[in-house]
Amino acid sequence: MDSLINGIKKLFNSDEEICEICNYTCYTKRFQQNFINWSSNNDDIDNFIKNTQLSAHGDVKKALEWIPYYKFYDIEDITKDRYYANWIDGNMIDWDSENQNWKREGRHMIVELKKLNDPKSIEQEAMDEMSDLYGITWDRKTKTYLMVVSEICKKCNVYCAAKLFQPNFKNWTSGNNDIDKFIQDTQLSSHKYVKNALEWIPYNNFNDIKIYCKRSKNKNWRRKVQNMAVALKSLNNSKNVTLEYMNNEITLYNNRVDDDVYIRLYGITQDPETKDYMMVLDYAESGSLRHYLN
């Protein structure tokens, strides 16, 4: 008889606290009842996770969770501070009233573990993430907090070009924060269209240097990179380049190309001697490029 009564209570939530907003025992109440059973040992992280859970109500996907590190296995480096791992449990999708636990999907799913740079900036770092964020974990060995994120891009629903570019940001720099930001923005917005992304191209990737146009404020050069001829257009006053200037310069360049002539922009480089930054462009053998660069 007792087991029957307990089963009825579970079914109708007769012993459970009702949410004033939802008028039933919603996801938020399930999470709230479990607050005493976990801690990241960091107030900023605890509060952030709890706030996502307290706002979940009828949408469990809004909630993050604290995930013990032992829940991951086959951890492999992607780049510095970023790893692939298999997550034993998978992400929450609903509440199982019968078993009084979370229903999950994607058990043993592949996820990315990404270093959390500063727990105090966790909200901003979570907002900047391109993929669904499942929770936070702690690597005792490195004493590092890690964000647990999907390997799938939220926008594309696949592992897209933007996801491939992002882990590599720490491996290069132009030496100018605005140029770095400009290039990174093109890469993060490329998604399925890798040709839309620019890259930082080290000057030593070029050879067979030949100047074909020189002016007081501008230099245009022809280079070969991996046996492909390209043109380099010096950016005016490039030692003082700003993000606004880069946006204006690229817009101006794009406006010079009409429907009949497409001159692709590949990226940005810097002459180590003059310190001038230069756009890396298609080289037009017929000379039409010079018309568009002038």
Protein backbone atom coordinates (compact mmCIF):
# COMPACT_ATOMS: atom_id res chain seq x y z
CA MET A 1 0.00 0.00 0.00
CA ASP A 2 2.81 2.44 0.91
CA SER A 3 4.51 1.89 -2.44
CA LEU A 4 1.22 2.60 -4.24
CA ILE A 5 0.72 5.84 -2.28
CA ASN A 6 4.31 6.92 -2.97
CA GLY A 7 3.80 6.18 -6.67
CA ILE A 8 0.66 8.34 -6.75
CA LYS A 9 2.48 11.15 -4.93
CA LYS A 10 5.28 11.07 -7.50
CA LEU A 11 2.80 11.07 -10.35
CA PHE A 12 0.85 14.04 -9.08
CA ASN A 13 3.74 15.83 -7.35
CA SER A 14 1.67 15.97 -4.15
CA ASP A 15 4.75 16.40 -1.93
CA GLU A 16 6.61 18.78 -4.23
CA GLU A 17 6.89 22.53 -4.23
CA ILE A 18 4.84 24.34 -6.87
CA CYS A 19 6.35 27.16 -8.92
CA GLU A 20 4.33 30.37 -8.57
CA ILE A 21 5.09 31.33 -12.17
CA CYS A 22 4.33 27.97 -13.81
CA ASN A 23 1.73 26.71 -11.29
CA TYR A 24 3.36 23.28 -11.27
CA THR A 25 6.70 21.74 -10.27
CA CYS A 26 8.75 23.05 -13.19
CA TYR A 27 12.40 22.55 -14.12
CA THR A 28 13.43 25.51 -11.97
CA LYS A 29 12.09 23.82 -8.85
CA ARG A 30 13.91 20.58 -9.72
CA PHE A 31 17.18 22.47 -10.00
CA GLN A 32 16.56 24.53 -6.87
CA GLN A 33 16.04 21.42 -4.77
CA ASN A 34 19.46 20.18 -5.87
CA PHE A 35 21.50 23.32 -5.08
CA ILE A 36 22.82 21.85 -1.83
CA ASN A 37 24.30 18.84 -3.65
CA TRP A 38 26.92 20.56 -5.77
CA SER A 39 29.39 23.45 -5.83
CA SER A 40 32.18 24.63 -8.11
CA ASN A 41 33.91 26.22 -5.10
CA ASN A 42 33.69 29.55 -6.88
CA ASP A 43 30.86 31.96 -6.06
CA ASP A 44 30.83 33.61 -9.50
CA ILE A 45 30.47 30.28 -11.27
CA ASP A 46 27.93 28.92 -8.77
CA ASN A 47 25.76 32.02 -9.09
CA PHE A 48 25.95 32.01 -12.88
CA ILE A 49 24.91 28.35 -13.14
CA LYS A 50 22.14 28.78 -10.57
CA ASN A 51 20.77 31.85 -12.37
CA THR A 52 20.48 29.90 -15.62
CA GLN A 53 18.68 27.12 -13.77
CA LEU A 54 16.33 29.52 -11.97
CA SER A 55 15.29 31.01 -15.31
CA ALA A 56 14.74 27.65 -17.04
CA HIS A 57 11.12 27.01 -15.92
CA GLY A 58 9.67 25.24 -18.99
CA ASP A 59 12.83 25.21 -21.11
CA VAL A 60 15.59 22.98 -19.76
CA LYS A 61 17.94 24.04 -22.60
CA LYS A 62 18.36 27.40 -20.87
CA ALA A 63 19.95 25.72 -17.86
CA LEU A 64 23.63 24.97 -17.39
CA GLU A 65 24.95 22.43 -14.91
CA TRP A 66 28.04 21.75 -12.84
CA ILE A 67 29.66 18.67 -14.39
CA PRO A 68 32.29 16.70 -12.43
CA TYR A 69 35.47 16.21 -14.47
CA TYR A 70 35.36 12.42 -14.07
CA LYS A 71 32.31 12.45 -16.34
CA PHE A 72 34.66 12.99 -19.30
CA TYR A 73 37.02 10.52 -20.96
CA ASP A 74 39.25 10.22 -24.07
CA ILE A 75 40.29 13.85 -23.65
CA GLU A 76 42.40 15.10 -26.58
CA ASP A 77 44.04 18.45 -27.29
CA ILE A 78 42.60 20.63 -30.07
CA THR A 79 44.75 23.66 -29.38
CA LYS A 80 46.15 25.20 -26.22
CA ASP A 81 43.36 25.46 -23.61
CA ARG A 82 40.83 23.65 -25.82
CA TYR A 83 40.07 19.91 -25.92
CA TYR A 84 37.80 17.25 -27.34
CA ALA A 85 36.22 14.86 -24.84
CA ASN A 86 33.51 12.22 -24.54
CA TRP A 87 30.82 13.14 -22.03
CA ILE A 88 29.37 10.06 -20.35
CA ASP A 89 25.96 11.50 -19.42
CA GLY A 90 25.00 13.76 -22.33
CA ASN A 91 22.79 16.83 -21.98
CA MET A 92 19.50 17.17 -20.10
CA ILE A 93 16.28 17.13 -22.14
CA ASP A 94 13.47 16.55 -19.61
CA TRP A 95 12.60 15.43 -16.08
CA ASP A 96 11.88 11.74 -15.45
CA SER A 97 9.18 11.75 -12.74
CA GLU A 98 9.29 8.00 -12.30
CA ASN A 99 13.04 7.82 -11.64
CA GLN A 100 13.24 11.31 -10.12
CA ASN A 101 16.17 12.27 -12.30
CA TRP A 102 16.98 13.99 -15.58
CA LYS A 103 16.35 12.36 -18.93
CA ARG A 104 19.36 12.83 -21.16
CA GLU A 105 20.32 12.46 -24.80
CA GLY A 106 23.64 11.93 -26.52
CA ARG A 107 25.23 9.71 -23.92
CA HIS A 108 28.99 9.43 -24.55
CA MET A 109 28.64 12.42 -26.84
CA ILE A 110 31.69 14.33 -28.12
CA VAL A 111 31.99 17.84 -26.66
CA GLU A 112 34.61 20.55 -26.47
CA LEU A 113 36.20 21.66 -23.21
CA LYS A 114 37.27 25.29 -23.47
CA LYS A 115 39.29 27.11 -20.81
CA LEU A 116 37.34 29.73 -18.87
CA ASN A 117 39.74 32.67 -18.79
CA ASP A 118 38.22 34.48 -15.81
CA PRO A 119 35.32 33.25 -13.64
CA LYS A 120 34.31 36.88 -13.04
CA SER A 121 33.72 37.30 -16.79
CA ILE A 122 31.88 34.00 -17.22
CA GLU A 123 28.68 35.65 -18.45
CA GLN A 124 30.48 37.47 -21.28
CA GLU A 125 32.54 34.42 -22.23
CA ALA A 126 29.36 32.34 -22.39
CA MET A 127 27.69 34.94 -24.63
CA ASP A 128 30.70 34.95 -26.97
CA GLU A 129 30.59 31.19 -27.44
CA MET A 130 29.35 30.07 -30.89
CA SER A 131 28.08 26.69 -29.74
CA ASP A 132 25.54 25.54 -27.17
CA LEU A 133 26.99 25.70 -23.68
CA TYR A 134 26.10 22.73 -21.47
CA GLY A 135 27.90 23.55 -18.25
CA ILE A 136 31.17 24.10 -16.39
CA THR A 137 33.74 21.64 -15.05
CA TRP A 138 37.06 21.78 -13.17
CA ASP A 139 40.32 20.08 -14.09
CA ARG A 140 42.11 19.42 -10.80
CA LYS A 141 45.39 18.63 -12.55
CA THR A 142 45.69 22.01 -14.28
CA LYS A 143 43.50 23.81 -11.71
CA THR A 144 41.45 25.21 -14.59
CA TYR A 145 37.72 25.82 -15.02
CA LEU A 146 36.46 24.67 -18.41
CA MET A 147 33.29 25.44 -20.34
CA VAL A 148 31.59 22.35 -21.75
CA VAL A 149 30.31 23.25 -25.22
CA SER A 150 28.82 21.47 -28.20
CA GLU A 151 31.11 20.79 -31.13
CA ILE A 152 28.28 21.98 -33.38
CA CYS A 153 27.87 25.63 -34.41
CA LYS A 154 24.52 27.06 -33.25
CA LYS A 155 23.97 28.95 -36.51
CA CYS A 156 24.96 26.23 -39.00
CA ASN A 157 24.02 23.13 -36.99
CA VAL A 158 27.28 21.57 -38.23
CA TYR A 159 30.97 21.81 -37.37
CA CYS A 160 31.52 24.76 -39.69
CA ALA A 161 34.46 26.89 -40.86
CA ALA A 162 33.96 29.43 -38.07
CA LYS A 163 34.40 26.68 -35.47
CA LEU A 164 37.68 25.68 -37.11
CA PHE A 165 39.04 29.22 -37.14
CA GLN A 166 38.21 30.15 -33.54
CA PRO A 167 40.58 27.74 -31.73
CA ASN A 168 43.47 29.09 -33.80
CA PHE A 169 43.11 32.73 -32.71
CA LYS A 170 45.81 32.37 -30.07
CA ASN A 171 48.34 31.05 -32.58
CA TRP A 172 48.76 34.22 -34.63
CA THR A 173 48.72 38.01 -34.35
CA SER A 174 49.33 40.92 -36.68
CA GLY A 175 50.72 42.97 -33.82
CA ASN A 176 47.72 45.29 -34.12
CA ASN A 177 44.60 44.53 -32.04
CA ASP A 178 42.24 46.21 -34.52
CA ILE A 179 43.58 44.24 -37.48
CA ASP A 180 43.38 41.03 -35.42
CA LYS A 181 39.75 41.82 -34.53
CA PHE A 182 38.90 42.62 -38.14
CA ILE A 183 40.34 39.34 -39.44
CA GLN A 184 38.75 37.33 -36.62
CA ASP A 185 35.34 38.88 -37.32
CA THR A 186 35.53 37.74 -40.96
CA GLN A 187 36.45 34.25 -39.81
CA LEU A 188 33.69 34.04 -37.20
CA SER A 189 31.10 35.13 -39.76
CA SER A 190 32.29 32.74 -42.48
CA HIS A 191 30.43 29.64 -41.21
CA LYS A 192 29.76 27.61 -44.40
CA TYR A 193 31.56 30.06 -46.68
CA VAL A 194 35.28 29.82 -45.99
CA LYS A 195 36.05 32.11 -48.95
CA ASN A 196 34.51 34.98 -46.96
CA ALA A 197 37.20 34.62 -44.29
CA LEU A 198 40.43 36.59 -44.34
CA GLU A 199 43.65 35.36 -42.73
CA TRP A 200 46.85 36.75 -41.32
CA ILE A 201 49.57 35.77 -43.80
CA PRO A 202 53.19 35.97 -42.58
CA TYR A 203 55.38 37.99 -44.94
CA ASN A 204 57.89 35.16 -45.27
CA ASN A 205 55.22 33.13 -47.10
CA PHE A 206 55.88 35.31 -50.14
CA ASN A 207 58.73 35.14 -52.66
CA ASP A 208 59.77 36.48 -56.08
CA ILE A 209 59.05 40.10 -55.12
CA LYS A 210 58.41 42.48 -58.02
CA ILE A 211 57.14 46.04 -57.69
CA TYR A 212 54.78 47.17 -60.46
CA CYS A 213 53.28 50.39 -59.11
CA LYS A 214 54.66 52.88 -56.59
CA ARG A 215 53.15 56.08 -55.30
CA SER A 216 53.98 58.42 -52.45
CA LYS A 217 51.25 57.10 -50.15
CA ASN A 218 50.79 53.63 -51.57
CA LYS A 219 52.79 50.69 -52.85
CA ASN A 220 51.46 47.84 -54.95
CA TRP A 221 53.55 44.70 -55.29
CA ARG A 222 53.34 41.36 -56.97
CA ARG A 223 54.24 38.32 -54.90
CA LYS A 224 54.07 34.56 -55.20
CA VAL A 225 52.66 32.51 -52.36
CA GLN A 226 52.86 28.74 -52.80
CA ASN A 227 53.38 29.29 -56.53
CA MET A 228 50.25 31.45 -56.81
CA ALA A 229 50.71 35.02 -57.99
CA VAL A 230 49.06 37.61 -55.75
CA ALA A 231 49.14 41.39 -55.43
CA LEU A 232 49.83 43.29 -52.22
CA LYS A 233 48.29 46.72 -51.73
CA SER A 234 49.79 48.85 -48.98
CA LEU A 235 47.26 50.32 -46.55
CA ASN A 236 47.54 54.10 -46.24
CA ASN A 237 49.04 55.21 -42.91
CA SER A 238 48.98 51.55 -41.96
CA LYS A 239 51.09 52.00 -38.84
CA ASN A 240 48.04 53.68 -37.25
CA VAL A 241 45.35 51.31 -38.50
CA THR A 242 42.06 51.20 -36.55
CA LEU A 243 39.08 48.87 -36.81
CA GLU A 244 37.01 51.69 -38.32
CA TYR A 245 39.72 52.33 -40.90
CA MET A 246 39.86 48.64 -41.83
CA ASN A 247 36.10 48.49 -42.34
CA ASN A 248 36.16 51.63 -44.49
CA GLU A 249 39.16 50.48 -46.54
CA ILE A 250 37.69 47.07 -47.29
CA THR A 251 34.31 48.63 -48.16
CA LEU A 252 36.07 51.06 -50.51
CA TYR A 253 37.99 48.21 -52.10
CA ASN A 254 34.83 46.14 -52.58
CA ASN A 255 33.10 49.08 -54.26
CA ARG A 256 35.89 49.25 -56.84
CA VAL A 257 35.11 45.80 -58.14
CA ASP A 258 32.25 45.70 -60.65
CA ASP A 259 30.09 42.80 -61.81
CA ASP A 260 32.54 41.84 -64.56
CA VAL A 261 35.71 41.79 -62.46
CA TYR A 262 36.08 39.91 -59.18
CA ILE A 263 39.31 40.48 -57.28
CA ARG A 264 39.47 38.29 -54.22
CA LEU A 265 40.93 39.56 -50.97
CA TYR A 266 42.77 36.75 -49.17
CA GLY A 267 44.10 38.44 -46.07
CA ILE A 268 46.52 40.91 -44.51
CA THR A 269 50.32 40.84 -44.16
CA GLN A 270 53.06 43.21 -42.98
CA ASP A 271 56.37 44.20 -44.54
CA PRO A 272 58.91 43.64 -41.72
CA GLU A 273 61.21 46.39 -43.07
CA THR A 274 58.74 49.23 -43.65
CA LYS A 275 56.20 47.95 -41.06
CA ASP A 276 53.47 48.69 -43.62
CA TYR A 277 50.36 46.51 -43.49
CA MET A 278 49.19 45.26 -46.89
CA MET A 279 46.11 43.61 -48.37
CA VAL A 280 46.77 40.31 -50.18
CA LEU A 281 44.71 40.30 -53.39
CA ASP A 282 44.22 38.38 -56.61
CA TYR A 283 46.82 39.33 -59.19
CA ALA A 284 45.40 40.24 -62.61
CA GLU A 285 47.95 39.35 -65.30
CA SER A 286 46.22 41.63 -67.81
CA GLY A 287 46.89 44.67 -65.66
CA SER A 288 43.24 45.30 -64.83
CA LEU A 289 44.05 45.03 -61.12
CA ARG A 290 46.06 48.24 -61.29
CA HIS A 291 42.95 50.06 -62.51
CA TYR A 292 41.00 48.93 -59.46
CA LEU A 293 43.80 49.63 -57.02
CA ASN A 294 44.43 53.18 -58.23
